[in-house]
N, C-alpha and C. Protein backbone atom coordinates (compact mmCIF):
# COMPACT_ATOMS: atom_id res chain seq x y z
N UNK A 1 55.50 118.83 65.58
CA UNK A 1 54.49 118.01 66.23
C UNK A 1 54.51 116.60 65.62
N UNK A 2 54.56 115.57 66.43
CA UNK A 2 54.60 114.20 65.89
C UNK A 2 53.29 113.81 65.22
N UNK A 3 53.42 112.97 64.21
CA UNK A 3 52.23 112.44 63.55
C UNK A 3 51.71 111.26 64.37
N UNK A 4 50.41 111.26 64.63
CA UNK A 4 49.81 110.16 65.38
C UNK A 4 49.21 109.16 64.40
N UNK A 5 49.35 107.90 64.74
CA UNK A 5 48.84 106.84 63.87
C UNK A 5 47.99 105.89 64.69
N UNK A 6 47.03 105.29 64.02
CA UNK A 6 46.22 104.25 64.63
C UNK A 6 46.57 102.93 63.97
N UNK A 7 46.59 101.88 64.77
CA UNK A 7 46.79 100.54 64.23
C UNK A 7 45.40 99.94 64.07
N UNK A 8 45.10 99.53 62.85
CA UNK A 8 43.78 98.95 62.55
C UNK A 8 43.94 97.45 62.44
N UNK A 9 43.14 96.74 63.20
CA UNK A 9 43.18 95.28 63.18
C UNK A 9 42.16 94.77 62.17
N UNK A 10 42.65 94.09 61.15
CA UNK A 10 41.76 93.55 60.13
C UNK A 10 41.18 92.21 60.60
N UNK A 11 40.21 91.72 59.86
CA UNK A 11 39.62 90.42 60.19
C UNK A 11 40.68 89.33 60.13
N UNK A 12 41.56 89.41 59.13
CA UNK A 12 42.62 88.40 59.00
C UNK A 12 43.53 88.43 60.22
N UNK A 13 43.90 89.61 60.68
CA UNK A 13 44.75 89.71 61.86
C UNK A 13 44.07 89.07 63.06
N UNK A 14 42.80 89.37 63.26
CA UNK A 14 42.06 88.81 64.40
C UNK A 14 41.96 87.29 64.31
N UNK A 15 41.73 86.76 63.10
CA UNK A 15 41.66 85.30 62.92
C UNK A 15 42.99 84.64 63.27
N UNK A 16 44.08 85.22 62.78
CA UNK A 16 45.38 84.63 63.03
C UNK A 16 45.81 84.80 64.48
N UNK A 17 45.38 85.87 65.11
CA UNK A 17 45.69 86.07 66.53
C UNK A 17 45.04 84.98 67.38
N UNK A 18 43.85 84.56 67.00
CA UNK A 18 43.16 83.51 67.76
C UNK A 18 43.96 82.21 67.80
N UNK A 19 44.80 81.98 66.78
CA UNK A 19 45.61 80.77 66.73
C UNK A 19 46.65 80.73 67.84
N UNK A 20 47.08 81.90 68.32
CA UNK A 20 48.09 81.91 69.40
C UNK A 20 47.49 82.31 70.74
N UNK A 21 46.18 82.52 70.79
CA UNK A 21 45.56 82.94 72.04
C UNK A 21 45.45 81.84 73.08
N UNK A 22 45.88 80.64 72.75
CA UNK A 22 45.91 79.59 73.76
C UNK A 22 46.88 79.97 74.87
N UNK A 23 47.82 80.82 74.54
CA UNK A 23 48.79 81.34 75.49
C UNK A 23 48.57 82.86 75.56
N UNK A 24 47.71 83.32 76.48
CA UNK A 24 47.34 84.74 76.54
C UNK A 24 48.54 85.69 76.68
N UNK A 25 49.52 85.31 77.47
CA UNK A 25 50.69 86.17 77.64
C UNK A 25 51.42 86.34 76.31
N UNK A 26 51.59 85.25 75.60
CA UNK A 26 52.26 85.29 74.30
C UNK A 26 51.47 86.15 73.32
N UNK A 27 50.16 86.00 73.31
CA UNK A 27 49.32 86.78 72.40
C UNK A 27 49.40 88.26 72.73
N UNK A 28 49.37 88.62 74.00
CA UNK A 28 49.47 90.02 74.40
C UNK A 28 50.82 90.61 74.02
N UNK A 29 51.88 89.87 74.27
CA UNK A 29 53.22 90.35 73.94
C UNK A 29 53.37 90.56 72.44
N UNK A 30 52.85 89.63 71.66
CA UNK A 30 52.93 89.74 70.21
C UNK A 30 52.17 90.97 69.73
N UNK A 31 50.94 91.13 70.20
CA UNK A 31 50.11 92.25 69.76
C UNK A 31 50.74 93.58 70.13
N UNK A 32 51.23 93.71 71.36
CA UNK A 32 51.87 94.95 71.77
C UNK A 32 53.11 95.25 70.94
N UNK A 33 53.89 94.24 70.63
CA UNK A 33 55.11 94.44 69.83
C UNK A 33 54.77 94.90 68.41
N UNK A 34 53.77 94.29 67.82
CA UNK A 34 53.37 94.67 66.46
C UNK A 34 52.83 96.09 66.45
N UNK A 35 51.95 96.42 67.39
CA UNK A 35 51.38 97.77 67.44
C UNK A 35 52.46 98.81 67.70
N UNK A 36 53.38 98.53 68.60
CA UNK A 36 54.46 99.48 68.92
C UNK A 36 55.30 99.75 67.68
N UNK A 37 55.67 98.67 66.99
CA UNK A 37 56.52 98.80 65.81
C UNK A 37 55.82 99.57 64.69
N UNK A 38 54.60 99.16 64.35
CA UNK A 38 53.90 99.78 63.23
C UNK A 38 53.46 101.21 63.52
N UNK A 39 53.16 101.53 64.76
CA UNK A 39 52.77 102.89 65.10
C UNK A 39 53.94 103.85 64.92
N UNK A 40 55.15 103.36 65.08
CA UNK A 40 56.33 104.21 64.95
C UNK A 40 56.91 104.22 63.55
N UNK A 41 56.77 103.11 62.83
CA UNK A 41 57.31 103.03 61.48
C UNK A 41 56.45 102.09 60.64
N UNK A 42 55.39 102.63 60.03
CA UNK A 42 54.46 101.78 59.27
C UNK A 42 55.10 101.09 58.08
N UNK A 43 56.23 101.56 57.62
CA UNK A 43 56.87 100.92 56.49
C UNK A 43 57.69 99.70 56.90
N UNK A 44 57.78 99.43 58.21
CA UNK A 44 58.57 98.28 58.66
C UNK A 44 57.86 96.95 58.43
N UNK A 45 56.58 97.00 58.20
CA UNK A 45 55.83 95.77 57.96
C UNK A 45 55.92 95.35 56.51
N UNK A 46 55.32 94.22 56.20
CA UNK A 46 55.26 93.73 54.84
C UNK A 46 53.82 93.78 54.38
N UNK A 47 53.57 94.50 53.29
CA UNK A 47 52.21 94.59 52.77
C UNK A 47 51.85 93.25 52.16
N UNK A 48 50.71 92.69 52.56
CA UNK A 48 50.32 91.37 52.09
C UNK A 48 49.22 91.42 51.04
N UNK A 49 48.71 92.63 50.79
CA UNK A 49 47.68 92.79 49.77
C UNK A 49 48.00 93.98 48.90
N UNK A 50 47.61 93.90 47.63
CA UNK A 50 47.77 95.03 46.75
C UNK A 50 46.82 96.16 47.11
N UNK A 51 45.64 95.81 47.58
CA UNK A 51 44.61 96.80 47.88
C UNK A 51 44.17 96.69 49.34
N UNK A 52 44.99 97.18 50.28
CA UNK A 52 44.63 97.06 51.69
C UNK A 52 43.32 97.80 51.98
N UNK A 53 42.54 97.31 52.93
CA UNK A 53 41.23 97.90 53.21
C UNK A 53 41.33 99.30 53.83
N UNK A 54 42.50 99.68 54.25
CA UNK A 54 42.66 100.98 54.91
C UNK A 54 43.45 101.91 54.03
């Protein structure tokens, strides 16, 4: 049985997403790509904090 994962959007992610929301299509494509990648392989990202909130 596959392991299911949730992608949690932090405040920092939401703030930085607003910077590219001037182009809604670009923002949607970016968000979907990040969620798709991390949901399948969470180790593919780069940890930016020693103590992540999750």
